[in-house]
């Protein structure tokens, strides 16, 4: 029996496929693509621009003012959506495309999904060179879009219309995978965007993606549980993976049941409610005194969903215990096995709930838990003093943050580089119960 087909341009096939991709979140099925950020020019206007106009009701297009701004907004959308949904960005060729490379690097470092669709040169090479084409004197296949390769989890150049089918299937696997998640770049030759092909209709059937929850290996799990139950001074470092897994409740149950203090990375901020007794706040270079004092003495660190970057570890000068053992609970072995850690490859929620059951009845030593609670009380007292109104002509960063917290009980802060990220990492968690709805996104240095 012959397969049913529909004749479309490659660009039309691309956007029709994107419309068909859905995601189930808490029982609700939503479009997995929130839309497309676009700046049009030669390279994408005649092909992808026309195709996006045809699906504007199902897949909205948002005009960008700068390609890097589009990419940064796409990264923010993915992070705010806890990686369940994401955006696409399209640009013309040359400098327009290169403006998105920095954004791709930010998303790559932070394991954030986005689909980048830069225009590229003509595959047939007849109008060669085109305006803004980067010409390599020794490689005729090289274009500026090759700069995306080091900062993309998956890269492909579409030089024939039928290639988009395999490329899109691979792209979606990467964008939705908890371990491989990151930016995907499909470099679209501008003539191929407008070339027609008879695509199988089943390629455009609706696909509902669901979060993959990886189960732990039995032996890795047994080793992790054994090391934790032998610990005298354990701590948990909670990273962004806790939020992406939706594991906050599981983390709270585990920490409370076993009296283990929780230290938050910048990506893991708000992984645990600030008023939770075991939440010691930020850790590392921008950490609270409560968290860092515990980290110095810890004999076991359960690192959950964190890549253990230098701000978190103080460039590995923070941990003073020579007998320190690390357990890396992560979906990605690259992160789980860092610094000779015992890897526990698993979804954060699944792993924490399983450990909670296996360790039932075990608790950290009372002196350790009491030290954590006393340290948190001392830190909150000092933080309140630092953020209180003062008479100085020029207020400190902490005082400015305090004023914002007192006037805006439900707000989102966005910051970049400098000293302010550190102050926010510490001080935003330094308020008393009732100031728990604040969020902060960090956009620089891969924080």
Protein backbone atom coordinates (compact mmCIF):
# COMPACT_ATOMS: atom_id res chain seq x y z
CA UNK A 1 0.00 0.00 0.00
CA UNK A 2 1.43 3.35 -1.00
CA UNK A 3 2.09 5.92 1.68
CA UNK A 4 -0.01 9.09 1.67
CA UNK A 5 1.99 12.22 0.98
CA UNK A 6 1.49 15.97 0.86
CA UNK A 7 3.54 18.34 -1.28
CA UNK A 8 5.05 21.15 0.73
CA UNK A 9 8.11 23.32 0.72
CA UNK A 10 10.74 22.34 3.24
CA UNK A 11 9.90 25.43 5.32
CA UNK A 12 6.20 24.56 5.31
CA UNK A 13 6.99 21.02 6.40
CA UNK A 14 9.19 22.36 9.20
CA UNK A 15 6.54 24.61 10.72
CA UNK A 16 3.73 22.06 10.24
CA UNK A 17 5.86 19.55 12.18
CA UNK A 18 6.46 22.10 14.93
CA UNK A 19 2.73 22.76 15.28
CA UNK A 20 2.10 19.02 15.72
CA UNK A 21 4.49 18.74 18.71
CA UNK A 22 2.69 18.86 22.07
CA UNK A 23 3.65 18.33 25.69
CA UNK A 24 1.65 17.03 28.65
CA UNK A 25 2.14 19.06 31.83
CA UNK A 26 0.12 18.12 34.92
CA UNK A 27 -2.46 16.40 32.75
CA UNK A 28 -2.86 19.33 30.32
CA UNK A 29 -1.70 19.03 26.71
CA UNK A 30 -0.05 22.21 25.39
CA UNK A 31 1.97 23.21 22.30
CA UNK A 32 5.59 22.37 23.10
CA UNK A 33 6.79 25.39 21.07
CA UNK A 34 5.70 28.68 22.63
CA UNK A 35 6.35 30.45 19.32
CA UNK A 36 9.11 31.68 17.06
CA UNK A 37 11.26 34.77 17.55
CA UNK A 38 12.19 36.13 14.13
CA UNK A 39 14.21 38.74 12.33
CA UNK A 40 13.75 38.32 8.59
CA UNK A 41 16.12 39.09 5.74
CA UNK A 42 17.71 37.33 2.82
CA UNK A 43 18.24 33.80 4.05
CA UNK A 44 14.86 33.19 5.68
CA UNK A 45 12.17 35.64 4.52
CA UNK A 46 11.05 33.98 1.29
CA UNK A 47 11.08 30.43 2.67
CA UNK A 48 10.57 30.27 6.42
CA UNK A 49 8.91 33.69 6.61
CA UNK A 50 6.16 32.65 4.20
CA UNK A 51 5.69 29.34 5.98
CA UNK A 52 5.38 30.94 9.43
CA UNK A 53 2.76 33.34 8.10
CA UNK A 54 0.67 30.37 7.05
CA UNK A 55 0.56 28.89 10.59
CA UNK A 56 0.45 32.17 12.51
CA UNK A 57 -2.71 31.17 14.41
CA UNK A 58 -1.17 27.92 15.73
CA UNK A 59 2.48 29.00 15.98
CA UNK A 60 2.85 32.72 16.71
CA UNK A 61 5.80 34.70 15.38
CA UNK A 62 7.30 37.42 17.58
CA UNK A 63 9.43 40.10 15.94
CA UNK A 64 12.82 40.49 17.51
CA UNK A 65 14.85 43.69 17.65
CA UNK A 66 18.21 41.92 17.98
CA UNK A 67 19.07 38.29 17.37
CA UNK A 68 20.96 37.91 20.63
CA UNK A 69 17.97 39.34 22.48
CA UNK A 70 15.76 36.74 20.82
CA UNK A 71 18.07 33.95 21.92
CA UNK A 72 18.29 35.23 25.48
CA UNK A 73 14.50 35.50 25.67
CA UNK A 74 14.23 31.93 24.37
CA UNK A 75 16.61 30.76 27.12
CA UNK A 76 14.54 32.59 29.72
CA UNK A 77 11.33 31.02 28.41
CA UNK A 78 12.82 27.53 28.61
CA UNK A 79 14.08 28.11 32.14
CA UNK A 80 10.80 29.63 33.34
CA UNK A 81 8.99 26.66 31.76
CA UNK A 82 11.31 24.25 33.64
CA UNK A 83 12.45 22.92 30.24
CA UNK A 84 9.00 21.47 29.48
CA UNK A 85 8.39 24.00 26.66
CA UNK A 86 10.73 26.03 24.48
CA UNK A 87 10.99 28.60 21.70
CA UNK A 88 12.51 28.72 18.24
CA UNK A 89 14.55 31.59 16.79
CA UNK A 90 15.17 32.34 13.12
CA UNK A 91 17.53 34.80 11.49
CA UNK A 92 19.00 35.67 8.11
CA UNK A 93 22.50 34.52 7.19
CA UNK A 94 25.85 36.04 8.20
CA UNK A 95 26.04 38.49 11.13
CA UNK A 96 22.33 38.04 11.87
CA UNK A 97 22.92 34.37 12.52
CA UNK A 98 26.15 34.94 14.44
CA UNK A 99 24.34 37.24 16.85
CA UNK A 100 22.63 34.13 18.24
CA UNK A 101 25.84 32.23 19.01
CA UNK A 102 26.25 33.83 22.44
CA UNK A 103 22.69 32.90 23.33
CA UNK A 104 23.34 29.35 22.18
CA UNK A 105 26.37 29.24 24.47
CA UNK A 106 24.29 30.44 27.44
CA UNK A 107 21.70 27.74 26.77
CA UNK A 108 24.40 25.11 26.22
CA UNK A 109 26.09 25.86 29.54
CA UNK A 110 22.79 25.91 31.40
CA UNK A 111 21.33 22.80 29.71
CA UNK A 112 18.38 24.80 28.33
CA UNK A 113 16.44 23.77 25.19
CA UNK A 114 15.91 26.11 22.23
CA UNK A 115 15.64 25.57 18.50
CA UNK A 116 17.81 27.87 16.37
CA UNK A 117 16.95 28.20 12.68
CA UNK A 118 19.54 30.46 11.03
CA UNK A 119 19.39 30.97 7.28
CA UNK A 120 22.36 29.72 5.28
CA UNK A 121 23.88 30.06 1.82
CA UNK A 122 22.39 28.52 -1.33
CA UNK A 123 22.91 24.77 -1.40
CA UNK A 124 23.21 24.87 -5.18
CA UNK A 125 25.94 27.56 -4.87
CA UNK A 126 24.87 29.27 -8.09
CA UNK A 127 24.52 32.78 -6.57
CA UNK A 128 27.87 32.49 -4.81
CA UNK A 129 28.88 34.41 -2.79
CA UNK A 130 25.70 35.92 -1.43
CA UNK A 131 25.58 39.08 0.66
CA UNK A 132 27.16 38.62 4.10
CA UNK A 133 28.44 35.15 3.25
CA UNK A 134 31.50 34.22 5.27
CA UNK A 135 33.95 32.75 2.78
CA UNK A 136 36.65 30.32 3.88
CA UNK A 137 39.55 30.42 1.45
CA UNK A 138 40.34 26.73 1.99
CA UNK A 139 36.94 25.11 2.66
CA UNK A 140 34.00 25.57 0.29
CA UNK A 141 31.59 23.87 2.69
CA UNK A 142 32.27 26.25 5.58
CA UNK A 143 29.75 28.97 6.50
CA UNK A 144 29.41 31.19 9.54
CA UNK A 145 26.79 28.81 10.91
CA UNK A 146 29.54 26.30 11.63
CA UNK A 147 30.25 28.53 14.65
CA UNK A 148 27.13 27.03 16.24
CA UNK A 149 28.60 23.53 16.32
CA UNK A 150 30.57 23.85 19.61
CA UNK A 151 27.57 25.38 21.41
CA UNK A 152 24.81 23.11 20.08
CA UNK A 153 23.81 19.74 21.48
CA UNK A 154 22.80 18.86 17.94
CA UNK A 155 23.69 20.59 14.68
CA UNK A 156 22.56 19.85 11.14
CA UNK A 157 22.67 21.66 7.82
CA UNK A 158 19.64 21.08 5.60
CA UNK A 159 20.85 20.88 1.98
CA UNK A 160 17.96 18.83 0.59
CA UNK A 161 14.25 19.19 1.50
CA UNK A 162 13.81 15.56 2.60
CA UNK A 163 16.67 15.89 5.14
CA UNK A 164 14.42 17.93 7.43
CA UNK A 165 12.51 14.81 8.50
CA UNK A 166 15.46 13.01 10.09
CA UNK A 167 16.83 16.29 11.45
CA UNK A 168 13.57 17.28 13.19
CA UNK A 169 13.13 13.86 14.77
CA UNK A 170 16.64 14.04 16.17
CA UNK A 171 16.12 17.64 17.27
CA UNK A 172 13.04 16.78 19.31
CA UNK A 173 14.82 13.86 20.98
CA UNK A 174 17.56 16.21 22.15
CA UNK A 175 15.26 19.06 23.17
CA UNK A 176 13.13 16.78 25.37
CA UNK A 177 15.84 14.54 26.80
CA UNK A 178 16.70 15.29 30.47
CA UNK A 179 20.34 14.28 29.96
CA UNK A 180 21.09 15.65 26.47
CA UNK A 181 18.91 18.76 26.72
CA UNK A 182 20.31 21.94 25.19
CA UNK A 183 20.22 24.12 22.08
CA UNK A 184 19.64 22.56 18.67
CA UNK A 185 20.73 24.35 15.49
CA UNK A 186 19.26 23.49 12.10
CA UNK A 187 21.09 25.54 9.50
CA UNK A 188 18.62 26.14 6.64
CA UNK A 189 20.03 26.68 3.16
CA UNK A 190 17.87 29.45 1.79
CA UNK A 191 17.07 27.88 -1.59
CA UNK A 192 16.17 24.56 0.03
CA UNK A 193 13.65 26.30 2.31
CA UNK A 194 11.49 26.96 -0.74
CA UNK A 195 12.03 23.61 -2.51
CA UNK A 196 9.02 21.28 -2.59
CA UNK A 197 8.93 17.62 -1.65
CA UNK A 198 6.23 14.97 -1.20
CA UNK A 199 6.30 14.46 2.57
CA UNK A 200 4.56 11.48 4.25
CA UNK A 201 1.43 12.75 6.01
CA UNK A 202 2.24 10.64 9.07
CA UNK A 203 5.27 12.89 9.64
CA UNK A 204 2.81 15.60 10.70
CA UNK A 205 0.73 13.51 13.10
CA UNK A 206 0.36 14.98 16.57
CA UNK A 207 3.04 13.85 19.02
CA UNK A 208 2.59 14.33 22.78
CA UNK A 209 5.87 14.36 24.70
CA UNK A 210 6.02 13.45 28.38
CA UNK A 211 8.82 13.95 30.86
CA UNK A 212 11.17 10.97 30.95
CA UNK A 213 11.94 9.85 34.50
CA UNK A 214 15.06 7.71 34.59
CA UNK A 215 15.11 4.95 37.20
CA UNK A 216 18.33 4.34 39.18
CA UNK A 217 20.59 1.34 38.64
CA UNK A 218 20.25 -1.12 41.54
CA UNK A 219 23.95 -1.28 42.39
CA UNK A 220 24.55 2.46 42.07
CA UNK A 221 21.52 3.05 44.26
CA UNK A 222 22.68 0.60 46.93
CA UNK A 223 26.12 2.26 47.06
CA UNK A 224 24.57 5.74 47.39
CA UNK A 225 22.19 4.70 50.18
CA UNK A 226 24.99 2.94 52.07
CA UNK A 227 27.33 5.96 51.91
CA UNK A 228 24.58 8.33 53.04
CA UNK A 229 23.64 6.17 56.02
CA UNK A 230 27.29 6.04 57.09
CA UNK A 231 27.54 9.83 57.03
CA UNK A 232 27.97 11.86 60.19
CA UNK A 233 27.70 15.32 58.61
CA UNK A 234 25.79 15.05 55.30
CA UNK A 235 24.53 17.93 53.18
CA UNK A 236 22.49 18.17 50.00
CA UNK A 237 23.45 20.56 47.20
CA UNK A 238 20.31 21.28 45.19
CA UNK A 239 20.80 22.41 41.60
CA UNK A 240 18.57 23.33 38.70
CA UNK A 241 17.82 19.68 38.04
CA UNK A 242 15.60 19.65 41.12
CA UNK A 243 13.38 22.31 39.56
CA UNK A 244 13.42 20.73 36.09
CA UNK A 245 12.37 17.40 37.58
CA UNK A 246 9.62 18.98 39.67
CA UNK A 247 11.32 17.38 42.67
CA UNK A 248 10.94 20.17 45.23
CA UNK A 249 8.38 18.27 47.30
CA UNK A 250 10.49 15.10 47.18
CA UNK A 251 13.56 17.10 48.26
CA UNK A 252 11.63 18.61 51.17
CA UNK A 253 10.39 15.23 52.35
CA UNK A 254 13.84 13.68 52.14
CA UNK A 255 15.62 16.53 53.94
CA UNK A 256 13.00 16.70 56.69
CA UNK A 257 12.81 12.94 57.26
CA UNK A 258 16.57 12.55 57.66
CA UNK A 259 17.62 15.93 59.04
CA UNK A 260 19.97 16.73 56.16
CA UNK A 261 20.64 20.43 55.44
CA UNK A 262 19.99 21.67 51.89
CA UNK A 263 22.31 24.17 50.16
CA UNK A 264 21.11 25.83 46.94
CA UNK A 265 23.09 26.66 43.81
CA UNK A 266 22.16 29.67 41.71
CA UNK A 267 20.31 27.48 39.19
CA UNK A 268 18.69 25.64 42.10
CA UNK A 269 17.42 28.73 43.86
CA UNK A 270 13.91 28.10 45.26
CA UNK A 271 14.35 24.33 44.85
CA UNK A 272 13.17 24.25 48.45
CA UNK A 273 10.85 26.71 50.11
CA UNK A 274 12.84 29.27 52.07
CA UNK A 275 10.92 28.62 55.28
CA UNK A 276 11.76 24.91 55.22
CA UNK A 277 13.75 24.17 58.36
CA UNK A 278 16.50 22.39 56.41
CA UNK A 279 17.02 25.09 53.74
CA UNK A 280 20.28 26.85 54.49
CA UNK A 281 20.13 29.08 51.41
CA UNK A 282 22.84 29.73 48.86
CA UNK A 283 26.18 27.94 48.82
CA UNK A 284 29.66 28.72 47.54
CA UNK A 285 31.26 31.99 46.48
CA UNK A 286 27.89 33.72 46.81
CA UNK A 287 26.72 31.57 49.71
CA UNK A 288 25.30 32.26 53.14
CA UNK A 289 27.34 31.72 56.27
CA UNK A 290 24.88 29.00 57.31
CA UNK A 291 25.43 26.98 54.13
CA UNK A 292 29.16 27.49 53.76
CA UNK A 293 30.00 26.56 57.35
CA UNK A 294 28.21 23.26 56.85
CA UNK A 295 29.87 22.64 53.50
CA UNK A 296 33.32 23.08 55.07
CA UNK A 297 32.66 20.30 57.59
CA UNK A 298 30.52 17.95 55.49
CA UNK A 299 31.68 14.35 55.08
CA UNK A 300 29.09 13.42 52.42
CA UNK A 301 27.57 15.66 49.74
CA UNK A 302 24.50 14.51 47.86
CA UNK A 303 24.69 16.69 44.72
CA UNK A 304 21.24 16.67 43.12
CA UNK A 305 20.83 18.04 39.60
CA UNK A 306 23.91 20.28 39.70
CA UNK A 307 26.96 20.55 37.46
CA UNK A 308 29.08 21.66 40.44
CA UNK A 309 30.51 24.76 38.81
CA UNK A 310 33.16 26.85 40.51
CA UNK A 311 30.80 29.35 42.14
CA UNK A 312 29.10 26.46 43.93
CA UNK A 313 32.30 24.80 45.11
CA UNK A 314 34.41 27.89 45.68
CA UNK A 315 36.73 26.49 43.02
CA UNK A 316 36.87 23.42 45.26
CA UNK A 317 38.32 25.39 48.16
CA UNK A 318 35.03 25.30 50.10
CA UNK A 319 35.10 21.68 51.21
CA UNK A 320 37.68 21.18 53.96
CA UNK A 321 37.01 17.56 54.99
CA UNK A 322 39.69 15.35 53.46
CA UNK A 323 37.39 12.31 53.80
CA UNK A 324 34.62 14.00 51.79
CA UNK A 325 32.53 11.75 49.56
CA UNK A 326 30.23 13.04 46.82
CA UNK A 327 27.17 11.32 45.40
CA UNK A 328 26.10 12.70 42.03
CA UNK A 329 22.35 12.26 41.55
CA UNK A 330 21.89 13.40 37.98
CA UNK A 331 20.43 12.35 34.65
CA UNK A 332 23.74 13.11 32.90
CA UNK A 333 26.78 10.95 33.66
CA UNK A 334 29.09 13.81 32.65
CA UNK A 335 27.83 15.77 35.68
CA UNK A 336 27.13 12.85 38.01
CA UNK A 337 30.71 11.54 37.98
CA UNK A 338 32.55 14.83 38.42
CA UNK A 339 35.34 14.95 41.01
CA UNK A 340 35.34 11.20 41.56
CA UNK A 341 31.75 11.24 42.75
CA UNK A 342 29.69 8.09 43.12
CA UNK A 343 27.26 8.45 40.20
CA UNK A 344 23.57 7.83 40.73
CA UNK A 345 22.01 8.23 37.30
CA UNK A 346 18.33 8.94 37.86
CA UNK A 347 15.60 11.51 37.69
CA UNK A 348 15.84 13.75 40.78
CA UNK A 349 12.30 13.10 41.97
CA UNK A 350 12.53 9.35 41.45
CA UNK A 351 15.97 9.15 43.05
CA UNK A 352 15.08 11.20 46.12
CA UNK A 353 11.85 9.31 46.77
CA UNK A 354 13.67 5.99 46.43
CA UNK A 355 16.42 7.08 48.81
CA UNK A 356 13.83 8.34 51.27
CA UNK A 357 12.21 4.91 51.36
CA UNK A 358 15.48 2.99 51.56
CA UNK A 359 16.75 5.17 54.40
CA UNK A 360 13.54 5.09 56.43
CA UNK A 361 14.30 5.48 60.13
CA UNK A 362 17.81 6.87 59.59
CA UNK A 363 18.58 10.45 60.65
CA UNK A 364 21.68 12.61 60.72
CA UNK A 365 23.25 13.23 64.11
CA UNK A 366 21.26 15.64 66.26
CA UNK A 367 24.26 17.91 66.85
CA UNK A 368 24.67 18.35 63.06
CA UNK A 369 21.01 19.19 62.51
CA UNK A 370 21.03 21.61 65.44
CA UNK A 371 24.17 23.29 64.06
CA UNK A 372 22.35 23.81 60.78
CA UNK A 373 19.29 25.34 62.42
CA UNK A 374 21.36 27.62 64.64
CA UNK A 375 23.46 28.73 61.68
CA UNK A 376 20.35 29.57 59.69
CA UNK A 377 18.92 31.64 62.53
CA UNK A 378 22.19 33.57 62.83
CA UNK A 379 22.28 34.18 59.07
CA UNK A 380 18.68 35.44 58.92
CA UNK A 381 19.43 37.86 61.75
CA UNK A 382 22.46 39.25 59.94
CA UNK A 383 20.62 39.39 56.60
CA UNK A 384 17.76 41.34 58.11
CA UNK A 385 20.21 43.88 59.53
CA UNK A 386 22.02 44.22 56.19
CA UNK A 387 18.78 44.83 54.28
CA UNK A 388 17.21 47.20 56.79
CA UNK A 389 16.74 50.85 55.75
CA UNK A 390 19.75 53.06 56.50
CA UNK A 391 20.65 56.73 56.56
CA UNK A 392 23.48 56.44 54.07
CA UNK A 393 23.28 58.76 51.06
CA UNK A 394 24.14 55.82 48.78
CA UNK A 395 22.46 52.57 49.87
CA UNK A 396 24.20 49.21 49.63
CA UNK A 397 23.10 46.49 47.23
CA UNK A 398 21.59 44.61 50.17
CA UNK A 399 19.56 47.66 51.22
CA UNK A 400 18.22 48.09 47.69
CA UNK A 401 17.21 44.43 47.60
CA UNK A 402 15.55 44.82 51.00
CA UNK A 403 13.53 47.79 49.75
CA UNK A 404 12.38 45.81 46.72
CA UNK A 405 11.37 42.85 48.87
CA UNK A 406 9.39 45.07 51.24
CA UNK A 407 7.43 46.73 48.46
CA UNK A 408 7.07 43.86 45.94
CA UNK A 409 5.93 40.62 47.52
CA UNK A 410 5.48 38.83 44.19
CA UNK A 411 8.16 39.71 41.67
CA UNK A 412 10.75 38.30 39.31
CA UNK A 413 14.23 39.79 39.17
CA UNK A 414 16.54 39.51 36.18
CA UNK A 415 20.22 40.30 36.58
CA UNK A 416 23.47 39.85 34.71
CA UNK A 417 27.08 40.13 35.87
CA UNK A 418 28.91 41.96 38.64
CA UNK A 419 28.32 41.86 42.38
CA UNK A 420 24.53 41.99 42.28
CA UNK A 421 23.99 38.31 41.37
CA UNK A 422 25.84 37.29 44.50
CA UNK A 423 23.81 39.64 46.67
CA UNK A 424 20.58 38.32 45.18
CA UNK A 425 21.67 34.71 45.57
CA UNK A 426 22.17 35.33 49.27
CA UNK A 427 19.78 38.11 50.20
CA UNK A 428 16.73 37.06 48.24
CA UNK A 429 16.58 34.06 50.53
CA UNK A 430 17.35 36.18 53.59
CA UNK A 431 13.82 37.33 54.29
CA UNK A 432 11.49 35.92 56.87
CA UNK A 433 8.61 33.62 55.94
CA UNK A 434 6.12 35.38 53.72
CA UNK A 435 8.64 36.54 51.10
CA UNK A 436 8.75 33.17 49.37
CA UNK A 437 7.31 33.94 45.97
CA UNK A 438 10.27 35.90 44.64
CA UNK A 439 12.19 34.43 41.74
CA UNK A 440 15.49 35.40 40.20
CA UNK A 441 17.00 34.51 36.82
CA UNK A 442 20.75 34.85 36.30
CA UNK A 443 21.97 35.48 32.76
CA UNK A 444 25.75 35.52 32.53
CA UNK A 445 28.68 33.29 33.27
CA UNK A 446 26.41 30.28 32.81
CA UNK A 447 24.86 30.67 36.25
